[in-house]
Amino acid sequence: MKVETWLFGAGTFIFAPLGLIYGFFTHWQEPVGPVALMLTAGLSALVGFYLWWTGRKLDDRPEDDPLAPIEAAEGDYGFFSPHSWWPLPLAASSALVFLGLAVGWWLVVIGVVFGALATVGWVFEYFRGEHAV
């Protein structure tokens, strides 16, 4: 977890000075920018601290060892469908929802219904029942 810890920890030291610089150049008249950058720095510090704290308790991963062989990261990553058509209707229903935010709320309802159907279809794509052969 060393890479993640350094990544988020470095974000703290980037966003905090950036918030101060932003506030200085806007003469602190625009309150949202510096506050948002300081909150981003705080969130980055929070996540970096959590990853550091958790990483101390875990063994090193193969990704943390530069001399680890490729075989060290082997394992079961799950089953991923090679030819599923369900992401297409799910993306279309998401497009309907976002279009409905601009056009009308009735389109949001239609998009949510189609999205629910597409999600159910995608989840149960390979489900054939308990007694399937």
Protein backbone atom coordinates (compact mmCIF):
# COMPACT_ATOMS: atom_id res chain seq x y z
CA MET A 1 0.00 0.00 0.00
CA LYS A 2 2.99 2.22 -0.26
CA VAL A 3 2.07 3.68 -3.64
CA GLU A 4 -1.44 4.63 -2.55
CA THR A 5 -0.19 6.18 0.66
CA TRP A 6 2.34 8.35 -1.13
CA LEU A 7 -0.17 9.30 -3.81
CA PHE A 8 -2.75 10.62 -1.37
CA GLY A 9 -0.15 12.03 0.99
CA ALA A 10 1.38 14.04 -1.84
CA GLY A 11 -2.06 15.38 -2.67
CA THR A 12 -2.14 17.03 0.74
CA PHE A 13 1.07 18.92 0.07
CA ILE A 14 -0.16 19.96 -3.37
CA PHE A 15 -3.70 21.13 -2.59
CA ALA A 16 -3.00 23.02 0.66
CA PRO A 17 -0.42 25.44 -0.83
CA LEU A 18 -2.55 25.69 -3.96
CA GLY A 19 -5.48 26.82 -1.81
CA LEU A 20 -3.34 29.46 -0.15
CA ILE A 21 -2.01 30.70 -3.49
CA TYR A 22 -5.53 30.78 -4.93
CA GLY A 23 -6.80 32.76 -1.96
CA PHE A 24 -3.87 35.20 -2.16
CA PHE A 25 -4.36 35.94 -5.85
CA THR A 26 -8.12 36.43 -5.47
CA HIS A 27 -7.55 38.64 -2.39
CA TRP A 28 -9.74 36.21 -0.42
CA GLN A 29 -12.83 37.72 -2.09
CA GLU A 30 -13.89 34.45 -3.68
CA PRO A 31 -14.53 32.10 -0.74
CA VAL A 32 -15.39 28.84 -2.50
CA GLY A 33 -12.07 28.12 -4.24
CA PRO A 34 -9.69 28.24 -1.26
CA VAL A 35 -12.13 26.41 0.99
CA ALA A 36 -12.66 23.68 -1.61
CA LEU A 37 -8.92 23.26 -2.10
CA MET A 38 -8.30 23.13 1.66
CA LEU A 39 -11.07 20.55 2.07
CA THR A 40 -9.52 18.55 -0.77
CA ALA A 41 -6.17 18.69 1.02
CA GLY A 42 -7.83 17.52 4.23
CA LEU A 43 -9.60 14.67 2.47
CA SER A 44 -6.36 13.66 0.80
CA ALA A 45 -4.61 13.67 4.17
CA LEU A 46 -7.43 11.63 5.69
CA VAL A 47 -7.29 8.95 2.99
CA GLY A 48 -3.47 8.94 3.01
CA PHE A 49 -3.42 8.48 6.79
CA TYR A 50 -5.96 5.66 6.59
CA LEU A 51 -3.93 3.87 3.91
CA TRP A 52 -0.73 4.32 5.89
CA TRP A 53 -2.39 3.05 9.09
CA THR A 54 -3.91 0.05 7.33
CA GLY A 55 -0.73 -0.69 5.35
CA ARG A 56 1.26 -1.07 8.56
CA LYS A 57 -0.94 -3.98 9.64
CA LEU A 58 -0.89 -5.88 6.33
CA ASP A 59 1.84 -7.88 4.70
CA ASP A 60 3.52 -6.45 1.62
CA ARG A 61 1.68 -7.07 -1.61
CA PRO A 62 3.45 -8.26 -4.76
CA GLU A 63 2.92 -4.78 -6.21
CA ASP A 64 5.04 -3.30 -3.42
CA ASP A 65 8.03 -5.54 -4.16
CA PRO A 66 9.96 -4.45 -7.27
CA LEU A 67 11.69 -7.87 -7.45
CA ALA A 68 8.50 -9.93 -7.20
CA PRO A 69 7.85 -12.33 -10.08
CA ILE A 70 4.70 -12.04 -12.16
CA GLU A 71 3.42 -15.30 -10.72
CA ALA A 72 3.22 -13.73 -7.25
CA ALA A 73 0.09 -11.76 -8.24
CA GLU A 74 -1.77 -14.74 -9.64
CA GLY A 75 -5.16 -15.56 -8.32
CA ASP A 76 -8.83 -15.65 -9.08
CA TYR A 77 -10.07 -12.22 -10.10
CA GLY A 78 -13.64 -13.37 -10.75
CA PHE A 79 -15.66 -14.01 -13.84
CA PHE A 80 -16.07 -11.24 -16.41
CA SER A 81 -18.53 -11.71 -19.22
CA PRO A 82 -16.73 -11.64 -22.56
CA HIS A 83 -19.73 -10.73 -24.70
CA SER A 84 -22.44 -9.07 -22.64
CA TRP A 85 -24.89 -6.68 -24.31
CA TRP A 86 -26.37 -5.43 -21.02
CA PRO A 87 -23.99 -2.46 -20.57
CA LEU A 88 -25.45 -0.92 -23.73
CA PRO A 89 -29.05 -0.58 -22.43
CA LEU A 90 -27.67 0.45 -19.05
CA ALA A 91 -25.68 3.26 -20.66
CA ALA A 92 -28.70 4.29 -22.75
CA SER A 93 -30.89 4.48 -19.66
CA SER A 94 -28.24 6.56 -17.90
CA ALA A 95 -28.21 8.89 -20.88
CA LEU A 96 -32.00 9.16 -20.60
CA VAL A 97 -31.72 10.06 -16.92
CA PHE A 98 -29.21 12.83 -17.58
CA LEU A 99 -31.16 14.05 -20.58
CA GLY A 100 -34.23 14.12 -18.37
CA LEU A 101 -32.49 16.52 -16.01
CA ALA A 102 -32.35 19.02 -18.86
CA VAL A 103 -35.59 18.23 -20.70
CA GLY A 104 -38.11 17.11 -18.11
CA TRP A 105 -38.53 14.96 -15.04
CA TRP A 106 -40.81 12.54 -16.84
CA LEU A 107 -37.79 11.39 -18.86
CA VAL A 108 -35.87 10.74 -15.64
CA VAL A 109 -38.60 8.36 -14.49
CA ILE A 110 -38.49 6.47 -17.80
CA GLY A 111 -34.69 6.27 -17.62
CA VAL A 112 -34.75 4.98 -14.04
CA VAL A 113 -37.25 2.25 -14.97
CA PHE A 114 -35.17 1.17 -17.97
CA GLY A 115 -32.03 1.37 -15.83
CA ALA A 116 -33.54 -0.91 -13.21
CA LEU A 117 -34.54 -3.43 -15.86
CA ALA A 118 -31.09 -3.30 -17.45
CA THR A 119 -29.40 -3.75 -14.08
CA VAL A 120 -31.54 -6.77 -13.27
CA GLY A 121 -30.80 -8.22 -16.70
CA TRP A 122 -27.08 -7.70 -16.26
CA VAL A 123 -26.98 -9.19 -12.77
CA PHE A 124 -28.95 -12.29 -13.74
CA GLU A 125 -27.41 -12.74 -17.18
CA TYR A 126 -25.88 -16.12 -16.38
CA PHE A 127 -28.43 -17.24 -13.79
CA ARG A 128 -30.26 -20.31 -14.97
CA GLY A 129 -31.90 -21.40 -11.72
CA GLU A 130 -31.02 -23.89 -9.02
CA HIS A 131 -31.77 -26.97 -11.10
CA ALA A 132 -29.98 -25.93 -14.29
CA VAL A 133 -27.74 -28.48 -15.90
